[in-house]
Amino acid sequence: MSVKPYSTEPMMPYEDHMLLAIEQYYEEYKLSSNSQSQYLTPSICAIMEAYSVACSTLGHRLHGYSSQQEAAQRRLKMTPGEEEAIEEWCLTVASWCMPLQVKMLHNMSEQLLQV
């Protein structure tokens, strides 16, 4: 098997290691699925060791699970742009020396989400 070690960059983020490991798995899978191939089916744990990622996490990602960051992003109700608009609105209200109430913030965010 031809498992390449992960990048020699000093602090490569874990998610980058995971993406490289997934890419390596699919490259080896293509080689092994060729009808006249001498390659064996890729080993998830061998790739895991080469890229310093968890074997179970790599297996989950190969089966279509998303990362915790991606899942958290999908659960958010507002986009970053909408959050920025709310923040600007709060600063505008504060510049009028008007006390900002939670109810006002809640109503503004509901109006923004309805648009």
Foldseek 3Di string as FASTA:
>chain_A
DDAAADDPDDCDDPVVLLVVLLVVQVVLCVQCPPPPHPGDRDDLVVSCVRSVHDSVVSVVVNVPDDDPVVVVVVPDLDDPVLVVVLVVVVVVCVVVVHDDDPVNSVVVSVVSSVD
